[in-house]
Amino acid sequence: MKTHAIFYHAGCPVCVEAERQVALALDPARYEVEVVHLGEHSPRVAEAEQTGVKSVPALVIGGAPFHINFGAALSELQP
């Protein structure tokens, strides 16, 4: 069974590079990665916040957020 991972980002250059370097580098045999662009899907900002995401880009695996780099604070993406 694959582990579900969610990569939250805002579309900025830092986020796009993190997606390329981290999220897409996860072993597809082990991880099912969902990429969520919070600038395009603002209703999911609350979801990200509930998982503990403070800034993007962030990767959530098994409910645990991993902040990769600082691109934007989650508060800046609130609808």
Protein backbone atom coordinates (compact mmCIF):
# COMPACT_ATOMS: atom_id res chain seq x y z
CA MET A 1 0.00 0.00 0.00
CA LYS A 2 1.33 3.43 -0.97
CA THR A 3 1.72 6.26 1.52
CA HIS A 4 -0.23 9.39 0.59
CA ALA A 5 1.85 12.56 0.48
CA ILE A 6 0.63 16.09 -0.24
CA PHE A 7 2.95 18.76 -1.61
CA TYR A 8 1.53 22.23 -0.93
CA HIS A 9 2.92 25.19 -2.82
CA ALA A 10 2.06 28.66 -4.09
CA GLY A 11 3.59 28.55 -7.56
CA CYS A 12 6.58 30.76 -6.75
CA PRO A 13 10.03 29.85 -8.12
CA VAL A 14 11.10 28.39 -4.74
CA CYS A 15 8.00 26.17 -4.72
CA VAL A 16 8.39 25.01 -8.31
CA GLU A 17 12.01 24.06 -7.70
CA ALA A 18 11.09 22.24 -4.48
CA GLU A 19 8.41 20.30 -6.35
CA ARG A 20 10.96 19.27 -8.94
CA GLN A 21 13.65 18.40 -6.41
CA VAL A 22 11.61 16.83 -3.63
CA ALA A 23 8.01 15.93 -4.36
CA LEU A 24 8.61 14.41 -7.77
CA ALA A 25 11.72 12.61 -6.53
CA LEU A 26 9.77 10.43 -4.09
CA ASP A 27 9.64 6.77 -5.07
CA PRO A 28 6.33 6.32 -6.93
CA ALA A 29 6.24 2.69 -5.84
CA ARG A 30 6.06 3.85 -2.20
CA TYR A 31 4.34 7.25 -2.34
CA GLU A 32 1.26 8.64 -3.99
CA VAL A 33 2.02 12.36 -4.25
CA GLU A 34 -0.76 14.91 -4.60
CA VAL A 35 0.42 18.38 -5.65
CA VAL A 36 -1.77 21.24 -4.42
CA HIS A 37 -1.22 24.77 -5.73
CA LEU A 38 -2.77 26.86 -2.95
CA GLY A 39 -2.91 29.97 -5.13
CA GLU A 40 -5.29 28.12 -7.45
CA HIS A 41 -7.08 26.09 -4.76
CA SER A 42 -7.44 28.58 -1.91
CA PRO A 43 -10.15 26.55 -0.09
CA ARG A 44 -7.43 24.01 0.70
CA VAL A 45 -5.39 26.56 2.69
CA ALA A 46 -7.43 25.66 5.79
CA GLU A 47 -6.68 21.98 5.19
CA ALA A 48 -2.96 22.69 4.97
CA GLU A 49 -3.13 24.79 8.13
CA GLN A 50 -4.88 21.97 10.02
CA THR A 51 -2.02 19.60 9.18
CA GLY A 52 0.48 22.05 10.69
CA VAL A 53 1.78 23.67 7.51
CA LYS A 54 3.12 27.15 8.34
CA SER A 55 4.73 28.07 5.03
CA VAL A 56 5.08 26.73 1.52
CA PRO A 57 6.56 24.77 -0.04
CA ALA A 58 5.74 21.97 2.38
CA LEU A 59 5.41 18.24 2.03
CA VAL A 60 2.99 16.38 4.30
CA ILE A 61 3.65 12.66 4.68
CA GLY A 62 1.56 10.59 7.03
CA GLY A 63 0.07 13.74 8.52
CA ALA A 64 3.46 15.22 9.42
CA PRO A 65 4.46 18.47 7.69
CA PHE A 66 8.00 18.98 6.42
CA HIS A 67 8.84 22.58 5.57
CA ILE A 68 11.29 22.52 2.69
CA ASN A 69 12.19 26.18 2.25
CA PHE A 70 10.48 29.48 2.87
CA GLY A 71 8.57 30.67 -0.19
CA ALA A 72 5.49 32.21 1.43
CA ALA A 73 3.77 32.14 4.80
CA LEU A 74 0.48 30.30 4.77
CA SER A 75 -1.19 33.41 6.19
CA GLU A 76 -0.35 35.23 2.92
CA LEU A 77 -2.46 32.71 1.01
CA GLN A 78 -5.64 33.05 3.07
CA PRO A 79 -8.68 33.68 0.83
